[in-house]
């Protein structure tokens, strides 16, 4: 079973920064494509940033240039550095581990990010 645990969320003012972390039990397994998603009430789930199967990074247009995804192998951790935060970034953020190119996802419990105007 894949275990994912997010941390680092909180409340910040517009223009502030946060760094989210995801401790992943299967981070070293290269079959998994790691990513960050977010979901706000009344809005569709959005893929914020992730790694493709070939290791290239993918960013949503809404966060490109402001967010940076990265990873460590030891400890097995996925990060999302979020800078220049905007109120529209307010959402629950989820770490995900997809069995690459299958649409089969494992999810963390989520961490709340709130950005005030």
C-alpha atoms as a PDB file:
ATOM      1  CA  UNK A   1       0.000   0.000   0.000  1.00  0.00           C
ATOM      2  CA  UNK A   2       1.279   3.471  -0.921  1.00  0.00           C
ATOM      3  CA  UNK A   3       1.263   5.983   1.931  1.00  0.00           C
ATOM      4  CA  UNK A   4       1.411   9.726   1.272  1.00  0.00           C
ATOM      5  CA  UNK A   5       1.404  12.396   3.971  1.00  0.00           C
ATOM      6  CA  UNK A   6       1.269  16.110   3.144  1.00  0.00           C
ATOM      7  CA  UNK A   7       2.385  18.928   5.409  1.00  0.00           C
ATOM      8  CA  UNK A   8       3.301  22.597   5.199  1.00  0.00           C
ATOM      9  CA  UNK A   9      -0.055  24.191   4.471  1.00  0.00           C
ATOM     10  CA  UNK A  10      -1.279  27.247   6.298  1.00  0.00           C
ATOM     11  CA  UNK A  11      -2.585  30.784   5.956  1.00  0.00           C
ATOM     12  CA  UNK A  12      -0.566  33.532   4.283  1.00  0.00           C
ATOM     13  CA  UNK A  13      -1.147  36.949   2.805  1.00  0.00           C
ATOM     14  CA  UNK A  14      -1.161  37.593  -0.922  1.00  0.00           C
ATOM     15  CA  UNK A  15       2.407  37.623  -2.205  1.00  0.00           C
ATOM     16  CA  UNK A  16       3.644  35.280   0.500  1.00  0.00           C
ATOM     17  CA  UNK A  17       5.272  31.868   0.211  1.00  0.00           C
ATOM     18  CA  UNK A  18       4.745  28.337   1.467  1.00  0.00           C
ATOM     19  CA  UNK A  19       6.550  25.052   0.938  1.00  0.00           C
ATOM     20  CA  UNK A  20       4.492  21.890   0.905  1.00  0.00           C
ATOM     21  CA  UNK A  21       6.044  18.515   1.634  1.00  0.00           C
ATOM     22  CA  UNK A  22       4.831  15.008   0.894  1.00  0.00           C
ATOM     23  CA  UNK A  23       6.410  12.041   2.635  1.00  0.00           C
ATOM     24  CA  UNK A  24       6.011   9.119   0.267  1.00  0.00           C
ATOM     25  CA  UNK A  25       6.507   5.467   1.137  1.00  0.00           C
ATOM     26  CA  UNK A  26       7.014   4.529  -2.529  1.00  0.00           C
ATOM     27  CA  UNK A  27       8.974   7.562  -3.684  1.00  0.00           C
ATOM     28  CA  UNK A  28      11.915   5.449  -4.838  1.00  0.00           C
ATOM     29  CA  UNK A  29       9.675   3.323  -7.087  1.00  0.00           C
ATOM     30  CA  UNK A  30      10.182   4.738 -10.564  1.00  0.00           C
ATOM     31  CA  UNK A  31       6.892   3.290 -11.778  1.00  0.00           C
ATOM     32  CA  UNK A  32       5.104   6.156 -10.025  1.00  0.00           C
ATOM     33  CA  UNK A  33       4.662   9.638 -11.448  1.00  0.00           C
ATOM     34  CA  UNK A  34       4.433  12.070  -8.555  1.00  0.00           C
ATOM     35  CA  UNK A  35       2.324  15.221  -8.695  1.00  0.00           C
ATOM     36  CA  UNK A  36       0.474  17.880  -6.746  1.00  0.00           C
ATOM     37  CA  UNK A  37      -3.238  18.513  -7.254  1.00  0.00           C
ATOM     38  CA  UNK A  38      -5.534  21.056  -5.686  1.00  0.00           C
ATOM     39  CA  UNK A  39      -9.280  21.398  -5.263  1.00  0.00           C
ATOM     40  CA  UNK A  40     -11.279  24.396  -4.133  1.00  0.00           C
ATOM     41  CA  UNK A  41     -15.012  24.279  -3.321  1.00  0.00           C
ATOM     42  CA  UNK A  42     -17.068  24.666  -6.487  1.00  0.00           C
ATOM     43  CA  UNK A  43     -14.059  24.207  -8.745  1.00  0.00           C
ATOM     44  CA  UNK A  44     -12.660  21.306 -10.718  1.00  0.00           C
ATOM     45  CA  UNK A  45      -9.696  19.375  -9.417  1.00  0.00           C
ATOM     46  CA  UNK A  46      -6.577  20.876 -10.979  1.00  0.00           C
ATOM     47  CA  UNK A  47      -3.180  19.315 -11.524  1.00  0.00           C
ATOM     48  CA  UNK A  48      -0.798  21.975 -10.258  1.00  0.00           C
ATOM     49  CA  UNK A  49       2.590  20.402 -10.954  1.00  0.00           C
ATOM     50  CA  UNK A  50       4.000  16.981 -11.608  1.00  0.00           C
ATOM     51  CA  UNK A  51       6.600  14.750 -13.176  1.00  0.00           C
ATOM     52  CA  UNK A  52       5.968  12.975 -16.448  1.00  0.00           C
ATOM     53  CA  UNK A  53       7.165   9.413 -16.949  1.00  0.00           C
ATOM     54  CA  UNK A  54      10.362  10.691 -18.588  1.00  0.00           C
ATOM     55  CA  UNK A  55      11.124  12.908 -15.590  1.00  0.00           C
ATOM     56  CA  UNK A  56      10.203  16.227 -17.176  1.00  0.00           C
ATOM     57  CA  UNK A  57       8.203  18.670 -15.092  1.00  0.00           C
ATOM     58  CA  UNK A  58       4.716  19.856 -15.950  1.00  0.00           C
ATOM     59  CA  UNK A  59       3.050  22.967 -14.533  1.00  0.00           C
ATOM     60  CA  UNK A  60      -0.437  24.356 -14.796  1.00  0.00           C
ATOM     61  CA  UNK A  61      -0.547  27.675 -16.636  1.00  0.00           C
ATOM     62  CA  UNK A  62      -1.998  29.272 -13.520  1.00  0.00           C
ATOM     63  CA  UNK A  63       1.121  28.549 -11.433  1.00  0.00           C
ATOM     64  CA  UNK A  64       3.961  28.446 -13.950  1.00  0.00           C
ATOM     65  CA  UNK A  65       6.754  30.769 -12.880  1.00  0.00           C
ATOM     66  CA  UNK A  66       5.523  30.891  -9.290  1.00  0.00           C
ATOM     67  CA  UNK A  67       5.559  27.248  -8.135  1.00  0.00           C
ATOM     68  CA  UNK A  68       8.437  24.766  -8.255  1.00  0.00           C
ATOM     69  CA  UNK A  69       8.151  21.010  -7.813  1.00  0.00           C
ATOM     70  CA  UNK A  70      11.146  19.032  -6.586  1.00  0.00           C
ATOM     71  CA  UNK A  71      11.984  15.755  -4.885  1.00  0.00           C
ATOM     72  CA  UNK A  72      14.456  14.047  -2.594  1.00  0.00           C
ATOM     73  CA  UNK A  73      15.237  10.328  -2.536  1.00  0.00           C
ATOM     74  CA  UNK A  74      16.322  10.237   1.093  1.00  0.00           C
ATOM     75  CA  UNK A  75      14.103  10.875   2.861  1.00  0.00           C
ATOM     76  CA  UNK A  76      11.496  10.045   0.231  1.00  0.00           C
ATOM     77  CA  UNK A  77       9.879  13.446  -0.080  1.00  0.00           C
ATOM     78  CA  UNK A  78       8.105  15.489  -2.739  1.00  0.00           C
ATOM     79  CA  UNK A  79       8.065  19.283  -2.405  1.00  0.00           C
ATOM     80  CA  UNK A  80       6.085  22.168  -3.806  1.00  0.00           C
ATOM     81  CA  UNK A  81       7.639  25.591  -3.318  1.00  0.00           C
ATOM     82  CA  UNK A  82       4.911  28.195  -3.757  1.00  0.00           C
ATOM     83  CA  UNK A  83       5.906  31.834  -4.197  1.00  0.00           C
ATOM     84  CA  UNK A  84       3.924  34.964  -5.035  1.00  0.00           C
ATOM     85  CA  UNK A  85       0.766  33.345  -3.738  1.00  0.00           C
ATOM     86  CA  UNK A  86      -2.590  34.715  -4.836  1.00  0.00           C
ATOM     87  CA  UNK A  87      -6.056  34.383  -3.273  1.00  0.00           C
ATOM     88  CA  UNK A  88      -7.071  32.117  -6.169  1.00  0.00           C
ATOM     89  CA  UNK A  89      -4.433  29.632  -4.972  1.00  0.00           C
ATOM     90  CA  UNK A  90      -6.598  28.939  -1.927  1.00  0.00           C
ATOM     91  CA  UNK A  91      -7.452  25.235  -1.994  1.00  0.00           C
ATOM     92  CA  UNK A  92      -6.849  21.859  -0.455  1.00  0.00           C
ATOM     93  CA  UNK A  93      -3.595  20.539  -1.893  1.00  0.00           C
ATOM     94  CA  UNK A  94      -3.087  16.820  -2.417  1.00  0.00           C
ATOM     95  CA  UNK A  95       0.011  14.795  -3.080  1.00  0.00           C
ATOM     96  CA  UNK A  96      -0.526  12.042  -5.636  1.00  0.00           C
ATOM     97  CA  UNK A  97       1.339   9.007  -6.870  1.00  0.00           C
ATOM     98  CA  UNK A  98       0.083   7.767 -10.222  1.00  0.00           C
ATOM     99  CA  UNK A  99       1.110   4.426 -11.613  1.00  0.00           C
ATOM    100  CA  UNK A 100       2.477   6.210 -14.652  1.00  0.00           C
ATOM    101  CA  UNK A 101       0.142   6.472 -17.632  1.00  0.00           C
ATOM    102  CA  UNK A 102      -2.574   4.300 -16.084  1.00  0.00           C
ATOM    103  CA  UNK A 103      -4.843   6.860 -14.446  1.00  0.00           C
ATOM    104  CA  UNK A 104      -4.560   4.885 -11.202  1.00  0.00           C
ATOM    105  CA  UNK A 105      -3.795   7.247  -8.328  1.00  0.00           C
ATOM    106  CA  UNK A 106      -2.877   7.054  -4.678  1.00  0.00           C
ATOM    107  CA  UNK A 107      -3.731  10.150  -2.651  1.00  0.00           C
ATOM    108  CA  UNK A 108      -2.593  11.815   0.511  1.00  0.00           C
ATOM    109  CA  UNK A 109      -5.009  13.307   3.027  1.00  0.00           C
ATOM    110  CA  UNK A 110      -4.491  16.871   1.817  1.00  0.00           C
ATOM    111  CA  UNK A 111      -3.178  20.058   3.373  1.00  0.00           C
ATOM    112  CA  UNK A 112      -5.104  23.340   3.350  1.00  0.00           C
ATOM    113  CA  UNK A 113      -3.611  26.481   1.811  1.00  0.00           C
ATOM    114  CA  UNK A 114      -5.406  29.773   2.399  1.00  0.00           C
ATOM    115  CA  UNK A 115      -4.237  33.039   0.840  1.00  0.00           C
ATOM    116  CA  UNK A 116      -5.828  36.276   1.988  1.00  0.00           C
ATOM    117  CA  UNK A 117      -6.161  39.314  -0.234  1.00  0.00           C
END
